[in-house]
Amino acid sequence: MREKAKKLLRLSLGLIFLILGIAGLFLPVLQGILFLLLALYLLAPDWPWARKWQKKLQARYPGLANRLRFWKGRLKGIYGK
């Protein structure tokens, strides 16, 4: 039950960030790219198209991908999973 709730929360946040990211591409107030990257990170485990885009971005920007892996490892250490 707990895993199902985490998955639902992750998908909900991913979709919200996706909508904000698309809006941010047209509105000067929001940082569209940041929200789109967060959405890809949250949606990639469940949706193949997000996983595909995430892999393309990791191949294109390997330095950024390494930093993301570093912070992901640090957060796993803090939160235990």
C-alpha atoms as a PDB file:
ATOM      1  CA  MET A   1       0.000   0.000   0.000  1.00  0.00           C
ATOM      2  CA  ARG A   2       2.820   2.386   0.865  1.00  0.00           C
ATOM      3  CA  GLU A   3       4.583   1.776  -2.478  1.00  0.00           C
ATOM      4  CA  LYS A   4       1.343   2.482  -4.323  1.00  0.00           C
ATOM      5  CA  ALA A   5       0.965   5.800  -2.501  1.00  0.00           C
ATOM      6  CA  LYS A   6       4.575   6.761  -3.325  1.00  0.00           C
ATOM      7  CA  LYS A   7       4.025   5.917  -6.991  1.00  0.00           C
ATOM      8  CA  LEU A   8       0.824   7.966  -7.112  1.00  0.00           C
ATOM      9  CA  LEU A   9       2.545  10.926  -5.444  1.00  0.00           C
ATOM     10  CA  ARG A  10       5.512  10.678  -7.831  1.00  0.00           C
ATOM     11  CA  LEU A  11       3.243  10.569 -10.885  1.00  0.00           C
ATOM     12  CA  SER A  12       1.102  13.445  -9.610  1.00  0.00           C
ATOM     13  CA  LEU A  13       4.118  15.637  -8.935  1.00  0.00           C
ATOM     14  CA  GLY A  14       5.626  14.668 -12.281  1.00  0.00           C
ATOM     15  CA  LEU A  15       2.510  15.710 -14.166  1.00  0.00           C
ATOM     16  CA  ILE A  16       2.270  18.985 -12.233  1.00  0.00           C
ATOM     17  CA  PHE A  17       5.915  19.767 -13.015  1.00  0.00           C
ATOM     18  CA  LEU A  18       5.334  18.837 -16.661  1.00  0.00           C
ATOM     19  CA  ILE A  19       2.435  21.287 -16.919  1.00  0.00           C
ATOM     20  CA  LEU A  20       4.440  24.005 -15.157  1.00  0.00           C
ATOM     21  CA  GLY A  21       7.406  23.324 -17.439  1.00  0.00           C
ATOM     22  CA  ILE A  22       5.342  23.672 -20.596  1.00  0.00           C
ATOM     23  CA  ALA A  23       3.785  26.871 -19.259  1.00  0.00           C
ATOM     24  CA  GLY A  24       7.239  28.102 -18.267  1.00  0.00           C
ATOM     25  CA  LEU A  25       8.463  27.834 -21.836  1.00  0.00           C
ATOM     26  CA  PHE A  26       6.019  30.591 -22.766  1.00  0.00           C
ATOM     27  CA  LEU A  27       5.816  32.634 -19.555  1.00  0.00           C
ATOM     28  CA  PRO A  28       8.875  34.630 -18.500  1.00  0.00           C
ATOM     29  CA  VAL A  29       8.103  34.199 -14.789  1.00  0.00           C
ATOM     30  CA  LEU A  30       8.577  30.403 -14.606  1.00  0.00           C
ATOM     31  CA  GLN A  31      11.763  28.434 -15.270  1.00  0.00           C
ATOM     32  CA  GLY A  32      10.369  25.992 -17.835  1.00  0.00           C
ATOM     33  CA  ILE A  33      13.494  23.892 -18.350  1.00  0.00           C
ATOM     34  CA  LEU A  34      13.936  23.278 -14.626  1.00  0.00           C
ATOM     35  CA  PHE A  35      10.359  22.071 -14.240  1.00  0.00           C
ATOM     36  CA  LEU A  36      10.655  19.861 -17.328  1.00  0.00           C
ATOM     37  CA  LEU A  37      13.820  18.226 -15.983  1.00  0.00           C
ATOM     38  CA  LEU A  38      12.143  17.575 -12.636  1.00  0.00           C
ATOM     39  CA  ALA A  39       9.152  16.084 -14.445  1.00  0.00           C
ATOM     40  CA  LEU A  40      11.391  13.766 -16.484  1.00  0.00           C
ATOM     41  CA  TYR A  41      13.183  12.621 -13.338  1.00  0.00           C
ATOM     42  CA  LEU A  42       9.875  11.817 -11.614  1.00  0.00           C
ATOM     43  CA  LEU A  43       8.116  10.226 -14.600  1.00  0.00           C
ATOM     44  CA  ALA A  44      11.020   8.173 -16.030  1.00  0.00           C
ATOM     45  CA  PRO A  45      10.537   5.074 -13.824  1.00  0.00           C
ATOM     46  CA  ASP A  46       6.958   4.606 -15.043  1.00  0.00           C
ATOM     47  CA  TRP A  47       6.687   6.080 -18.543  1.00  0.00           C
ATOM     48  CA  PRO A  48       8.875   4.877 -21.452  1.00  0.00           C
ATOM     49  CA  TRP A  49       8.830   8.206 -23.324  1.00  0.00           C
ATOM     50  CA  ALA A  50      10.202  10.033 -20.253  1.00  0.00           C
ATOM     51  CA  ARG A  51      12.880   7.356 -19.787  1.00  0.00           C
ATOM     52  CA  LYS A  52      13.899   7.748 -23.446  1.00  0.00           C
ATOM     53  CA  TRP A  53      14.211  11.549 -23.137  1.00  0.00           C
ATOM     54  CA  GLN A  54      16.123  11.207 -19.894  1.00  0.00           C
ATOM     55  CA  LYS A  55      18.656   8.871 -21.556  1.00  0.00           C
ATOM     56  CA  LYS A  56      19.063  11.265 -24.496  1.00  0.00           C
ATOM     57  CA  LEU A  57      19.732  14.152 -22.134  1.00  0.00           C
ATOM     58  CA  GLN A  58      22.217  12.084 -20.115  1.00  0.00           C
ATOM     59  CA  ALA A  59      24.109  11.217 -23.305  1.00  0.00           C
ATOM     60  CA  ARG A  60      24.111  14.843 -24.463  1.00  0.00           C
ATOM     61  CA  TYR A  61      25.079  16.353 -21.091  1.00  0.00           C
ATOM     62  CA  PRO A  62      27.250  13.772 -19.264  1.00  0.00           C
ATOM     63  CA  GLY A  63      28.587  16.298 -16.727  1.00  0.00           C
ATOM     64  CA  LEU A  64      25.088  17.198 -15.600  1.00  0.00           C
ATOM     65  CA  ALA A  65      24.157  13.509 -15.458  1.00  0.00           C
ATOM     66  CA  ASN A  66      27.147  12.805 -13.194  1.00  0.00           C
ATOM     67  CA  ARG A  67      26.123  15.605 -10.849  1.00  0.00           C
ATOM     68  CA  LEU A  68      22.579  14.242 -10.760  1.00  0.00           C
ATOM     69  CA  ARG A  69      23.873  10.768  -9.850  1.00  0.00           C
ATOM     70  CA  PHE A  70      26.031  12.297  -7.109  1.00  0.00           C
ATOM     71  CA  TRP A  71      23.107  14.154  -5.512  1.00  0.00           C
ATOM     72  CA  LYS A  72      20.810  11.184  -5.957  1.00  0.00           C
ATOM     73  CA  GLY A  73      23.311   9.057  -3.990  1.00  0.00           C
ATOM     74  CA  ARG A  74      23.568  11.701  -1.278  1.00  0.00           C
ATOM     75  CA  LEU A  75      19.803  11.885  -0.914  1.00  0.00           C
ATOM     76  CA  LYS A  76      19.541   8.106  -0.727  1.00  0.00           C
ATOM     77  CA  GLY A  77      22.042   8.212   2.138  1.00  0.00           C
ATOM     78  CA  ILE A  78      19.994  10.824   3.959  1.00  0.00           C
ATOM     79  CA  TYR A  79      16.557   9.313   3.417  1.00  0.00           C
ATOM     80  CA  GLY A  80      17.591   5.689   3.638  1.00  0.00           C
ATOM     81  CA  LYS A  81      16.361   4.530   0.237  1.00  0.00           C
END
